[in-house]
């Protein structure tokens, strides 16, 4: 009688190692699918937003003036713009018509001197 009781108790207890392995395998499958979906989204959706390798807006340089204020030099469709960026607004400061191609030249941009 005692043997029958021991067999019944052993059969009713869950296999903890098997349950742990099943849980871990399921977690790996879910994480693998998530990573695959994110990779495919990045590969197919983000590439459609740009026109080939050429971006429409490029940030050339940035200079921080204060913790939440900076001056940014950007190029939009071949035109160079100097923009002031603060916490509340973005303002066009000036347009740069042409930049000398020789290294070491200084460029006068409306009272501001920029040395490359």
PDB file of N, CA and C in Angstrom:
ATOM      1  N   UNK A   1       0.807  -1.190   0.000  1.00  0.00           N
ATOM      2  CA  UNK A   1       0.000   0.000   0.000  1.00  0.00           C
ATOM      3  C   UNK A   1       0.850   1.255   0.000  1.00  0.00           C
ATOM      4  N   UNK A   2       1.935   1.189   0.724  1.00  0.00           N
ATOM      5  CA  UNK A   2       2.837   2.319   0.809  1.00  0.00           C
ATOM      6  C   UNK A   2       3.488   2.606  -0.542  1.00  0.00           C
ATOM      7  N   UNK A   3       3.780   1.566  -1.307  1.00  0.00           N
ATOM      8  CA  UNK A   3       4.389   1.747  -2.630  1.00  0.00           C
ATOM      9  C   UNK A   3       3.413   2.403  -3.603  1.00  0.00           C
ATOM     10  N   UNK A   4       2.164   2.053  -3.514  1.00  0.00           N
ATOM     11  CA  UNK A   4       1.139   2.640  -4.384  1.00  0.00           C
ATOM     12  C   UNK A   4       0.994   4.127  -4.068  1.00  0.00           C
ATOM     13  N   UNK A   5       1.041   4.481  -2.796  1.00  0.00           N
ATOM     14  CA  UNK A   5       0.938   5.875  -2.383  1.00  0.00           C
ATOM     15  C   UNK A   5       2.140   6.678  -2.875  1.00  0.00           C
ATOM     16  N   UNK A   6       3.345   6.129  -2.800  1.00  0.00           N
ATOM     17  CA  UNK A   6       4.553   6.800  -3.279  1.00  0.00           C
ATOM     18  C   UNK A   6       4.518   6.991  -4.795  1.00  0.00           C
ATOM     19  N   UNK A   7       4.028   5.986  -5.526  1.00  0.00           N
ATOM     20  CA  UNK A   7       3.927   6.105  -6.990  1.00  0.00           C
ATOM     21  C   UNK A   7       2.914   7.178  -7.380  1.00  0.00           C
ATOM     22  N   UNK A   8       1.816   7.261  -6.634  1.00  0.00           N
ATOM     23  CA  UNK A   8       0.794   8.274  -6.927  1.00  0.00           C
ATOM     24  C   UNK A   8       1.315   9.672  -6.652  1.00  0.00           C
ATOM     25  N   UNK A   9       2.060   9.855  -5.562  1.00  0.00           N
ATOM     26  CA  UNK A   9       2.651  11.169  -5.244  1.00  0.00           C
ATOM     27  C   UNK A   9       3.702  11.565  -6.267  1.00  0.00           C
ATOM     28  N   UNK A  10       4.510  10.637  -6.709  1.00  0.00           N
ATOM     29  CA  UNK A  10       5.552  10.928  -7.692  1.00  0.00           C
ATOM     30  C   UNK A  10       4.944  11.308  -9.032  1.00  0.00           C
ATOM     31  N   UNK A  11       3.833  10.682  -9.379  1.00  0.00           N
ATOM     32  CA  UNK A  11       3.192  10.990 -10.661  1.00  0.00           C
ATOM     33  C   UNK A  11       2.479  12.333 -10.612  1.00  0.00           C
ATOM     34  N   UNK A  12       2.020  12.762  -9.449  1.00  0.00           N
ATOM     35  CA  UNK A  12       1.277  14.021  -9.362  1.00  0.00           C
ATOM     36  C   UNK A  12       2.181  15.244  -9.244  1.00  0.00           C
ATOM     37  N   UNK A  13       3.451  15.081  -8.894  1.00  0.00           N
ATOM     38  CA  UNK A  13       4.366  16.220  -8.776  1.00  0.00           C
ATOM     39  C   UNK A  13       4.858  16.619 -10.168  1.00  0.00           C
ATOM     40  N   UNK A  14       4.883  17.935 -10.434  1.00  0.00           N
ATOM     41  CA  UNK A  14       5.331  18.388 -11.763  1.00  0.00           C
ATOM     42  C   UNK A  14       6.835  18.226 -11.937  1.00  0.00           C
ATOM     43  N   UNK A  15       7.242  18.059 -13.165  1.00  0.00           N
ATOM     44  CA  UNK A  15       8.658  17.969 -13.500  1.00  0.00           C
ATOM     45  C   UNK A  15       9.193  19.392 -13.641  1.00  0.00           C
ATOM     46  N   UNK A  16       9.892  19.888 -12.614  1.00  0.00           N
ATOM     47  CA  UNK A  16      10.352  21.280 -12.611  1.00  0.00           C
ATOM     48  C   UNK A  16      11.413  21.549 -13.676  1.00  0.00           C
ATOM     49  N   UNK A  17      12.300  20.607 -13.894  1.00  0.00           N
ATOM     50  CA  UNK A  17      13.333  20.797 -14.915  1.00  0.00           C
ATOM     51  C   UNK A  17      12.713  20.900 -16.304  1.00  0.00           C
ATOM     52  N   UNK A  18      11.774  20.039 -16.598  1.00  0.00           N
ATOM     53  CA  UNK A  18      11.114  20.081 -17.909  1.00  0.00           C
ATOM     54  C   UNK A  18      10.322  21.358 -18.107  1.00  0.00           C
ATOM     55  N   UNK A  19       9.626  21.810 -17.064  1.00  0.00           N
ATOM     56  CA  UNK A  19       8.852  23.051 -17.161  1.00  0.00           C
ATOM     57  C   UNK A  19       9.760  24.250 -17.344  1.00  0.00           C
ATOM     58  N   UNK A  20      10.890  24.243 -16.655  1.00  0.00           N
ATOM     59  CA  UNK A  20      11.849  25.346 -16.787  1.00  0.00           C
ATOM     60  C   UNK A  20      12.422  25.388 -18.204  1.00  0.00           C
ATOM     61  N   UNK A  21      12.772  24.240 -18.739  1.00  0.00           N
ATOM     62  CA  UNK A  21      13.320  24.196 -20.099  1.00  0.00           C
ATOM     63  C   UNK A  21      12.286  24.630 -21.137  1.00  0.00           C
ATOM     64  N   UNK A  22      11.027  24.224 -20.945  1.00  0.00           N
ATOM     65  CA  UNK A  22       9.980  24.654 -21.866  1.00  0.00           C
ATOM     66  C   UNK A  22       9.776  26.166 -21.819  1.00  0.00           C
ATOM     67  N   UNK A  23       9.774  26.721 -20.614  1.00  0.00           N
ATOM     68  CA  UNK A  23       9.607  28.173 -20.453  1.00  0.00           C
ATOM     69  C   UNK A  23      10.760  28.922 -21.093  1.00  0.00           C
ATOM     70  N   UNK A  24      11.977  28.442 -20.868  1.00  0.00           N
ATOM     71  CA  UNK A  24      13.153  29.101 -21.447  1.00  0.00           C
ATOM     72  C   UNK A  24      13.143  29.005 -22.974  1.00  0.00           C
ATOM     73  N   UNK A  25      12.771  27.866 -23.512  1.00  0.00           N
ATOM     74  CA  UNK A  25      12.711  27.695 -24.968  1.00  0.00           C
ATOM     75  C   UNK A  25      11.649  28.609 -25.577  1.00  0.00           C
ATOM     76  N   UNK A  26      10.504  28.722 -24.929  1.00  0.00           N
ATOM     77  CA  UNK A  26       9.445  29.603 -25.417  1.00  0.00           C
ATOM     78  C   UNK A  26       9.897  31.061 -25.383  1.00  0.00           C
ATOM     79  N   UNK A  27      10.577  31.444 -24.317  1.00  0.00           N
ATOM     80  CA  UNK A  27      11.107  32.812 -24.213  1.00  0.00           C
ATOM     81  C   UNK A  27      12.103  33.100 -25.327  1.00  0.00           C
ATOM     82  N   UNK A  28      12.976  32.157 -25.623  1.00  0.00           N
ATOM     83  CA  UNK A  28      13.952  32.338 -26.707  1.00  0.00           C
ATOM     84  C   UNK A  28      13.267  32.486 -28.061  1.00  0.00           C
ATOM     85  N   UNK A  29      12.229  31.699 -28.295  1.00  0.00           N
ATOM     86  CA  UNK A  29      11.497  31.783 -29.559  1.00  0.00           C
ATOM     87  C   UNK A  29      10.818  33.144 -29.692  1.00  0.00           C
ATOM     88  N   UNK A  30      10.186  33.623 -28.629  1.00  0.00           N
ATOM     89  CA  UNK A  30       9.498  34.919 -28.666  1.00  0.00           C
ATOM     90  C   UNK A  30      10.496  36.052 -28.879  1.00  0.00           C
ATOM     91  N   UNK A  31      11.613  36.026 -28.158  1.00  0.00           N
ATOM     92  CA  UNK A  31      12.627  37.068 -28.341  1.00  0.00           C
ATOM     93  C   UNK A  31      13.237  37.012 -29.739  1.00  0.00           C
ATOM     94  N   UNK A  32      13.450  35.811 -30.264  1.00  0.00           N
ATOM     95  CA  UNK A  32      13.974  35.680 -31.622  1.00  0.00           C
ATOM     96  C   UNK A  32      13.023  36.256 -32.655  1.00  0.00           C
ATOM     97  N   UNK A  33      11.733  35.991 -32.493  1.00  0.00           N
ATOM     98  CA  UNK A  33      10.743  36.554 -33.417  1.00  0.00           C
ATOM     99  C   UNK A  33      10.688  38.076 -33.306  1.00  0.00           C
ATOM    100  N   UNK A  34      10.776  38.585 -32.101  1.00  0.00           N
ATOM    101  CA  UNK A  34      10.778  40.038 -31.904  1.00  0.00           C
ATOM    102  C   UNK A  34      11.973  40.688 -32.583  1.00  0.00           C
ATOM    103  N   UNK A  35      13.138  40.117 -32.406  1.00  0.00           N
ATOM    104  CA  UNK A  35      14.341  40.661 -33.048  1.00  0.00           C
ATOM    105  C   UNK A  35      14.229  40.574 -34.566  1.00  0.00           C
ATOM    106  N   UNK A  36      13.704  39.479 -35.081  1.00  0.00           N
ATOM    107  CA  UNK A  36      13.521  39.329 -36.526  1.00  0.00           C
ATOM    108  C   UNK A  36      12.543  40.361 -37.070  1.00  0.00           C
ATOM    109  N   UNK A  37      11.443  40.581 -36.380  1.00  0.00           N
ATOM    110  CA  UNK A  37      10.457  41.575 -36.831  1.00  0.00           C
ATOM    111  C   UNK A  37      11.043  42.975 -36.807  1.00  0.00           C
ATOM    112  N   UNK A  38      11.778  43.321 -35.759  1.00  0.00           N
ATOM    113  CA  UNK A  38      12.407  44.647 -35.692  1.00  0.00           C
ATOM    114  C   UNK A  38      13.446  44.829 -36.789  1.00  0.00           C
ATOM    115  N   UNK A  39      14.212  43.785 -37.088  1.00  0.00           N
ATOM    116  CA  UNK A  39      15.197  43.867 -38.162  1.00  0.00           C
ATOM    117  C   UNK A  39      14.519  44.079 -39.510  1.00  0.00           C
ATOM    118  N   UNK A  40      13.447  43.331 -39.758  1.00  0.00           N
ATOM    119  CA  UNK A  40      12.739  43.473 -41.035  1.00  0.00           C
ATOM    120  C   UNK A  40      12.086  44.845 -41.159  1.00  0.00           C
ATOM    121  N   UNK A  41      11.550  45.370 -40.062  1.00  0.00           N
ATOM    122  CA  UNK A  41      10.960  46.711 -40.103  1.00  0.00           C
ATOM    123  C   UNK A  41      12.022  47.755 -40.426  1.00  0.00           C
ATOM    124  N   UNK A  42      13.170  47.646 -39.792  1.00  0.00           N
ATOM    125  CA  UNK A  42      14.249  48.602 -40.050  1.00  0.00           C
ATOM    126  C   UNK A  42      14.739  48.478 -41.494  1.00  0.00           C
ATOM    127  N   UNK A  43      14.854  47.272 -41.948  1.00  0.00           N
ATOM    128  CA  UNK A  43      15.384  47.017 -43.296  1.00  0.00           C
ATOM    129  C   UNK A  43      14.457  47.548 -44.388  1.00  0.00           C
ATOM    130  N   UNK A  44      13.162  47.331 -44.271  1.00  0.00           N
ATOM    131  CA  UNK A  44      12.258  47.659 -45.358  1.00  0.00           C
ATOM    132  C   UNK A  44      11.541  48.994 -45.202  1.00  0.00           C
ATOM    133  N   UNK A  45      11.192  49.400 -43.994  1.00  0.00           N
ATOM    134  CA  UNK A  45      10.420  50.625 -43.830  1.00  0.00           C
ATOM    135  C   UNK A  45      11.291  51.873 -43.775  1.00  0.00           C
ATOM    136  N   UNK A  46      12.446  51.810 -43.116  1.00  0.00           N
ATOM    137  CA  UNK A  46      13.280  53.000 -42.993  1.00  0.00           C
ATOM    138  C   UNK A  46      14.035  53.310 -44.278  1.00  0.00           C
ATOM    139  N   UNK A  47      14.315  52.323 -45.094  1.00  0.00           N
ATOM    140  CA  UNK A  47      15.016  52.577 -46.347  1.00  0.00           C
ATOM    141  C   UNK A  47      14.125  53.275 -47.367  1.00  0.00           C
ATOM    142  N   UNK A  48      12.830  53.127 -47.255  1.00  0.00           N
ATOM    143  CA  UNK A  48      11.922  53.764 -48.206  1.00  0.00           C
ATOM    144  C   UNK A  48      11.808  55.265 -47.973  1.00  0.00           C
ATOM    145  N   UNK A  49      12.132  55.736 -46.777  1.00  0.00           N
ATOM    146  CA  UNK A  49      11.979  57.160 -46.469  1.00  0.00           C
ATOM    147  C   UNK A  49      13.074  58.021 -47.095  1.00  0.00           C
ATOM    148  N   UNK A  50      14.228  57.473 -47.363  1.00  0.00           N
ATOM    149  CA  UNK A  50      15.309  58.257 -47.948  1.00  0.00           C
ATOM    150  C   UNK A  50      15.366  58.011 -49.449  1.00  0.00           C
ATOM    151  N   UNK A  51      15.856  58.988 -50.165  1.00  0.00           N
ATOM    152  CA  UNK A  51      15.983  58.861 -51.617  1.00  0.00           C
ATOM    153  C   UNK A  51      17.377  58.351 -51.929  1.00  0.00           C
ATOM    154  N   UNK A  52      17.537  57.066 -52.015  1.00  0.00           N
ATOM    155  CA  UNK A  52      18.842  56.470 -52.273  1.00  0.00           C
ATOM    156  C   UNK A  52      19.751  56.676 -51.082  1.00  0.00           C
ATOM    157  N   UNK A  53      21.007  56.993 -51.358  1.00  0.00           N
ATOM    158  CA  UNK A  53      21.961  57.252 -50.284  1.00  0.00           C
ATOM    159  C   UNK A  53      22.002  58.727 -49.913  1.00  0.00           C
ATOM    160  N   UNK A  54      21.401  59.582 -50.714  1.00  0.00           N
ATOM    161  CA  UNK A  54      21.457  61.020 -50.468  1.00  0.00           C
ATOM    162  C   UNK A  54      20.285  61.448 -49.594  1.00  0.00           C
ATOM    163  N   UNK A  55      20.605  62.062 -48.469  1.00  0.00           N
ATOM    164  CA  UNK A  55      19.570  62.553 -47.570  1.00  0.00           C
ATOM    165  C   UNK A  55      19.204  63.975 -47.965  1.00  0.00           C
ATOM    166  N   UNK A  56      17.960  64.355 -47.743  1.00  0.00           N
ATOM    167  CA  UNK A  56      17.524  65.702 -48.072  1.00  0.00           C
ATOM    168  C   UNK A  56      18.039  66.726 -47.074  1.00  0.00           C
ATOM    169  N   UNK A  57      18.163  66.342 -45.815  1.00  0.00           N
ATOM    170  CA  UNK A  57      18.635  67.249 -44.778  1.00  0.00           C
ATOM    171  C   UNK A  57      19.849  66.618 -44.107  1.00  0.00           C
ATOM    172  N   UNK A  58      20.960  67.353 -44.079  1.00  0.00           N
ATOM    173  CA  UNK A  58      22.182  66.878 -43.428  1.00  0.00           C
ATOM    174  C   UNK A  58      22.603  67.893 -42.374  1.00  0.00           C
ATOM    175  N   UNK A  59      22.953  67.423 -41.187  1.00  0.00           N
ATOM    176  CA  UNK A  59      23.498  68.306 -40.169  1.00  0.00           C
ATOM    177  C   UNK A  59      25.018  68.295 -40.315  1.00  0.00           C
ATOM    178  N   UNK A  60      25.573  69.463 -40.609  1.00  0.00           N
ATOM    179  CA  UNK A  60      27.012  69.556 -40.852  1.00  0.00           C
ATOM    180  C   UNK A  60      27.765  69.798 -39.556  1.00  0.00           C
ATOM    181  N   UNK A  61      27.271  70.743 -38.742  1.00  0.00           N
ATOM    182  CA  UNK A  61      27.946  71.070 -37.486  1.00  0.00           C
ATOM    183  C   UNK A  61      26.935  71.589 -36.482  1.00  0.00           C
ATOM    184  N   UNK A  62      27.315  71.492 -35.212  1.00  0.00           N
ATOM    185  CA  UNK A  62      26.448  71.963 -34.145  1.00  0.00           C
ATOM    186  C   UNK A  62      27.320  72.576 -33.057  1.00  0.00           C
ATOM    187  N   UNK A  63      26.886  73.705 -32.498  1.00  0.00           N
ATOM    188  CA  UNK A  63      27.630  74.369 -31.430  1.00  0.00           C
ATOM    189  C   UNK A  63      26.662  74.712 -30.310  1.00  0.00           C
ATOM    190  N   UNK A  64      26.920  74.185 -29.117  1.00  0.00           N
ATOM    191  CA  UNK A  64      26.037  74.416 -27.974  1.00  0.00           C
ATOM    192  C   UNK A  64      26.383  75.748 -27.324  1.00  0.00           C
ATOM    193  N   UNK A  65      25.372  76.602 -27.170  1.00  0.00           N
ATOM    194  CA  UNK A  65      25.550  77.892 -26.531  1.00  0.00           C
ATOM    195  C   UNK A  65      25.156  77.851 -25.062  1.00  0.00           C
ATOM    196  N   UNK A  66      24.137  77.104 -24.750  1.00  0.00           N
ATOM    197  CA  UNK A  66      23.617  76.960 -23.396  1.00  0.00           C
ATOM    198  C   UNK A  66      23.086  75.528 -23.279  1.00  0.00           C
ATOM    199  N   UNK A  67      22.664  75.129 -22.087  1.00  0.00           N
ATOM    200  CA  UNK A  67      22.179  73.751 -21.955  1.00  0.00           C
ATOM    201  C   UNK A  67      21.053  73.375 -22.921  1.00  0.00           C
ATOM    202  N   UNK A  68      20.184  74.315 -23.264  1.00  0.00           N
ATOM    203  CA  UNK A  68      19.078  73.987 -24.174  1.00  0.00           C
ATOM    204  C   UNK A  68      19.039  74.915 -25.382  1.00  0.00           C
ATOM    205  N   UNK A  69      20.182  75.450 -25.769  1.00  0.00           N
ATOM    206  CA  UNK A  69      20.253  76.334 -26.941  1.00  0.00           C
ATOM    207  C   UNK A  69      21.534  76.034 -27.713  1.00  0.00           C
ATOM    208  N   UNK A  70      21.394  76.002 -29.035  1.00  0.00           N
ATOM    209  CA  UNK A  70      22.561  75.734 -29.876  1.00  0.00           C
ATOM    210  C   UNK A  70      22.377  76.339 -31.257  1.00  0.00           C
ATOM    211  N   UNK A  71      23.474  76.445 -31.971  1.00  0.00           N
ATOM    212  CA  UNK A  71      23.484  76.904 -33.350  1.00  0.00           C
ATOM    213  C   UNK A  71      23.884  75.706 -34.204  1.00  0.00           C
ATOM    214  N   UNK A  72      23.107  75.466 -35.271  1.00  0.00           N
ATOM    215  CA  UNK A  72      23.322  74.287 -36.098  1.00  0.00           C
ATOM    216  C   UNK A  72      23.493  74.715 -37.543  1.00  0.00           C
ATOM    217  N   UNK A  73      24.491  74.164 -38.200  1.00  0.00           N
ATOM    218  CA  UNK A  73      24.703  74.375 -39.629  1.00  0.00           C
ATOM    219  C   UNK A  73      24.156  73.142 -40.341  1.00  0.00           C
ATOM    220  N   UNK A  74      23.135  73.343 -41.183  1.00  0.00           N
ATOM    221  CA  UNK A  74      22.516  72.233 -41.901  1.00  0.00           C
ATOM    222  C   UNK A  74      22.549  72.496 -43.392  1.00  0.00           C
ATOM    223  N   UNK A  75      22.437  71.421 -44.150  1.00  0.00           N
ATOM    224  CA  UNK A  75      22.343  71.528 -45.602  1.00  0.00           C
ATOM    225  C   UNK A  75      21.023  70.907 -46.015  1.00  0.00           C
ATOM    226  N   UNK A  76      20.188  71.711 -46.678  1.00  0.00           N
ATOM    227  CA  UNK A  76      18.885  71.253 -47.139  1.00  0.00           C
ATOM    228  C   UNK A  76      18.868  71.364 -48.651  1.00  0.00           C
ATOM    229  N   UNK A  77      18.835  70.225 -49.320  1.00  0.00           N
ATOM    230  CA  UNK A  77      18.800  70.157 -50.780  1.00  0.00           C
ATOM    231  C   UNK A  77      19.888  71.021 -51.420  1.00  0.00           C
ATOM    232  N   UNK A  78      21.112  70.945 -50.886  1.00  0.00           N
ATOM    233  CA  UNK A  78      22.241  71.656 -51.448  1.00  0.00           C
ATOM    234  C   UNK A  78      22.418  73.074 -50.943  1.00  0.00           C
ATOM    235  N   UNK A  79      21.505  73.587 -50.151  1.00  0.00           N
ATOM    236  CA  UNK A  79      21.596  74.952 -49.637  1.00  0.00           C
ATOM    237  C   UNK A  79      21.976  74.900 -48.164  1.00  0.00           C
ATOM    238  N   UNK A  80      22.995  75.675 -47.767  1.00  0.00           N
ATOM    239  CA  UNK A  80      23.475  75.659 -46.393  1.00  0.00           C
ATOM    240  C   UNK A  80      22.791  76.748 -45.583  1.00  0.00           C
ATOM    241  N   UNK A  81      22.272  76.348 -44.412  1.00  0.00           N
ATOM    242  CA  UNK A  81      21.528  77.246 -43.545  1.00  0.00           C
ATOM    243  C   UNK A  81      22.102  77.192 -42.137  1.00  0.00           C
ATOM    244  N   UNK A  82      22.135  78.353 -41.468  1.00  0.00           N
ATOM    245  CA  UNK A  82      22.518  78.413 -40.067  1.00  0.00           C
ATOM    246  C   UNK A  82      21.232  78.634 -39.282  1.00  0.00           C
ATOM    247  N   UNK A  83      20.970  77.735 -38.337  1.00  0.00           N
ATOM    248  CA  UNK A  83      19.712  77.720 -37.619  1.00  0.00           C
ATOM    249  C   UNK A  83      19.994  77.800 -36.121  1.00  0.00           C
ATOM    250  N   UNK A  84      19.215  78.612 -35.416  1.00  0.00           N
ATOM    251  CA  UNK A  84      19.282  78.668 -33.968  1.00  0.00           C
ATOM    252  C   UNK A  84      18.198  77.776 -33.389  1.00  0.00           C
ATOM    253  N   UNK A  85      18.586  76.896 -32.487  1.00  0.00           N
ATOM    254  CA  UNK A  85      17.650  75.946 -31.906  1.00  0.00           C
ATOM    255  C   UNK A  85      17.628  76.164 -30.398  1.00  0.00           C
ATOM    256  N   UNK A  86      16.428  76.450 -29.864  1.00  0.00           N
ATOM    257  CA  UNK A  86      16.257  76.575 -28.415  1.00  0.00           C
ATOM    258  C   UNK A  86      15.185  75.592 -27.980  1.00  0.00           C
ATOM    259  N   UNK A  87      14.868  75.634 -26.707  1.00  0.00           N
ATOM    260  CA  UNK A  87      13.861  74.716 -26.189  1.00  0.00           C
ATOM    261  C   UNK A  87      12.488  75.007 -26.786  1.00  0.00           C
ATOM    262  N   UNK A  88      12.206  76.273 -27.069  1.00  0.00           N
ATOM    263  CA  UNK A  88      10.889  76.664 -27.538  1.00  0.00           C
ATOM    264  C   UNK A  88      10.766  76.833 -29.040  1.00  0.00           C
ATOM    265  N   UNK A  89      11.868  77.104 -29.740  1.00  0.00           N
ATOM    266  CA  UNK A  89      11.726  77.425 -31.159  1.00  0.00           C
ATOM    267  C   UNK A  89      12.970  77.060 -31.957  1.00  0.00           C
ATOM    268  N   UNK A  90      12.786  77.108 -33.274  1.00  0.00           N
ATOM    269  CA  UNK A  90      13.866  76.948 -34.237  1.00  0.00           C
ATOM    270  C   UNK A  90      13.778  78.141 -35.178  1.00  0.00           C
ATOM    271  N   UNK A  91      14.888  78.877 -35.318  1.00  0.00           N
ATOM    272  CA  UNK A  91      14.867  80.080 -36.153  1.00  0.00           C
ATOM    273  C   UNK A  91      16.018  80.064 -37.149  1.00  0.00           C
ATOM    274  N   UNK A  92      15.711  80.523 -38.358  1.00  0.00           N
ATOM    275  CA  UNK A  92      16.734  80.669 -39.384  1.00  0.00           C
ATOM    276  C   UNK A  92      17.560  81.905 -39.066  1.00  0.00           C
ATOM    277  N   UNK A  93      18.871  81.743 -38.927  1.00  0.00           N
ATOM    278  CA  UNK A  93      19.747  82.871 -38.639  1.00  0.00           C
ATOM    279  C   UNK A  93      20.293  83.480 -39.919  1.00  0.00           C
ATOM    280  N   UNK A  94      20.811  82.644 -40.811  1.00  0.00           N
ATOM    281  CA  UNK A  94      21.345  83.145 -42.077  1.00  0.00           C
ATOM    282  C   UNK A  94      21.483  81.991 -43.063  1.00  0.00           C
ATOM    283  N   UNK A  95      21.614  82.356 -44.332  1.00  0.00           N
ATOM    284  CA  UNK A  95      21.921  81.391 -45.384  1.00  0.00           C
ATOM    285  C   UNK A  95      23.361  81.620 -45.798  1.00  0.00           C
ATOM    286  N   UNK A  96      24.073  80.561 -46.087  1.00  0.00           N
ATOM    287  CA  UNK A  96      25.452  80.667 -46.552  1.00  0.00           C
ATOM    288  C   UNK A  96      25.435  80.428 -48.052  1.00  0.00           C
ATOM    289  N   UNK A  97      25.828  81.445 -48.797  1.00  0.00           N
ATOM    290  CA  UNK A  97      25.779  81.352 -50.256  1.00  0.00           C
ATOM    291  C   UNK A  97      26.886  80.465 -50.802  1.00  0.00           C
ATOM    292  N   UNK A  98      28.143  80.753 -50.473  1.00  0.00           N
ATOM    293  CA  UNK A  98      29.249  79.936 -50.952  1.00  0.00           C
ATOM    294  C   UNK A  98      30.357  79.963 -49.919  1.00  0.00           C
ATOM    295  N   UNK A  99      31.077  78.869 -49.854  1.00  0.00           N
ATOM    296  CA  UNK A  99      32.176  78.741 -48.904  1.00  0.00           C
ATOM    297  C   UNK A  99      33.455  78.558 -49.710  1.00  0.00           C
ATOM    298  N   UNK A 100      34.518  79.341 -49.400  1.00  0.00           N
ATOM    299  CA  UNK A 100      35.784  79.143 -50.108  1.00  0.00           C
ATOM    300  C   UNK A 100      36.292  77.714 -49.927  1.00  0.00           C
ATOM    301  N   UNK A 101      36.886  77.177 -50.977  1.00  0.00           N
ATOM    302  CA  UNK A 101      37.306  75.790 -50.959  1.00  0.00           C
ATOM    303  C   UNK A 101      38.709  75.604 -50.416  1.00  0.00           C
ATOM    304  N   UNK A 102      39.470  76.680 -50.225  1.00  0.00           N
ATOM    305  CA  UNK A 102      40.836  76.557 -49.742  1.00  0.00           C
ATOM    306  C   UNK A 102      40.830  76.416 -48.226  1.00  0.00           C
ATOM    307  N   UNK A 103      41.610  75.491 -47.746  1.00  0.00           N
ATOM    308  CA  UNK A 103      41.723  75.308 -46.299  1.00  0.00           C
ATOM    309  C   UNK A 103      42.521  76.475 -45.720  1.00  0.00           C
ATOM    310  N   UNK A 104      42.133  76.921 -44.540  1.00  0.00           N
ATOM    311  CA  UNK A 104      42.844  78.004 -43.887  1.00  0.00           C
ATOM    312  C   UNK A 104      42.215  79.359 -44.136  1.00  0.00           C
ATOM    313  N   UNK A 105      41.281  79.481 -45.062  1.00  0.00           N
ATOM    314  CA  UNK A 105      40.604  80.746 -45.296  1.00  0.00           C
ATOM    315  C   UNK A 105      39.607  81.000 -44.171  1.00  0.00           C
ATOM    316  N   UNK A 106      39.393  82.273 -43.872  1.00  0.00           N
ATOM    317  CA  UNK A 106      38.353  82.620 -42.911  1.00  0.00           C
ATOM    318  C   UNK A 106      37.160  83.139 -43.679  1.00  0.00           C
ATOM    319  N   UNK A 107      35.995  82.844 -43.199  1.00  0.00           N
ATOM    320  CA  UNK A 107      34.765  83.237 -43.858  1.00  0.00           C
ATOM    321  C   UNK A 107      34.042  84.213 -42.957  1.00  0.00           C
ATOM    322  N   UNK A 108      33.670  85.377 -43.488  1.00  0.00           N
ATOM    323  CA  UNK A 108      32.913  86.355 -42.726  1.00  0.00           C
ATOM    324  C   UNK A 108      31.440  86.110 -42.973  1.00  0.00           C
ATOM    325  N   UNK A 109      30.722  85.697 -41.921  1.00  0.00           N
ATOM    326  CA  UNK A 109      29.298  85.411 -42.046  1.00  0.00           C
ATOM    327  C   UNK A 109      28.529  86.423 -41.207  1.00  0.00           C
ATOM    328  N   UNK A 110      28.380  87.635 -41.699  1.00  0.00           N
ATOM    329  CA  UNK A 110      27.569  88.626 -41.016  1.00  0.00           C
ATOM    330  C   UNK A 110      28.096  88.986 -39.640  1.00  0.00           C
ATOM    331  N   UNK A 111      29.364  89.251 -39.494  1.00  0.00           N
ATOM    332  CA  UNK A 111      29.919  89.626 -38.218  1.00  0.00           C
ATOM    333  C   UNK A 111      30.494  88.444 -37.452  1.00  0.00           C
ATOM    334  N   UNK A 112      30.164  87.243 -37.816  1.00  0.00           N
ATOM    335  CA  UNK A 112      30.701  86.053 -37.150  1.00  0.00           C
ATOM    336  C   UNK A 112      31.844  85.537 -38.008  1.00  0.00           C
ATOM    337  N   UNK A 113      32.960  85.239 -37.385  1.00  0.00           N
ATOM    338  CA  UNK A 113      34.096  84.729 -38.132  1.00  0.00           C
ATOM    339  C   UNK A 113      34.232  83.247 -37.843  1.00  0.00           C
ATOM    340  N   UNK A 114      34.295  82.488 -38.937  1.00  0.00           N
ATOM    341  CA  UNK A 114      34.424  81.044 -38.824  1.00  0.00           C
ATOM    342  C   UNK A 114      35.742  80.641 -39.426  1.00  0.00           C
ATOM    343  N   UNK A 115      36.556  79.947 -38.658  1.00  0.00           N
ATOM    344  CA  UNK A 115      37.823  79.456 -39.170  1.00  0.00           C
ATOM    345  C   UNK A 115      37.747  77.945 -39.257  1.00  0.00           C
ATOM    346  N   UNK A 116      37.873  77.367 -40.449  1.00  0.00           N
ATOM    347  CA  UNK A 116      37.775  75.906 -40.596  1.00  0.00           C
ATOM    348  C   UNK A 116      38.902  75.178 -39.929  1.00  0.00           C
TER     349      UNK A 116
END
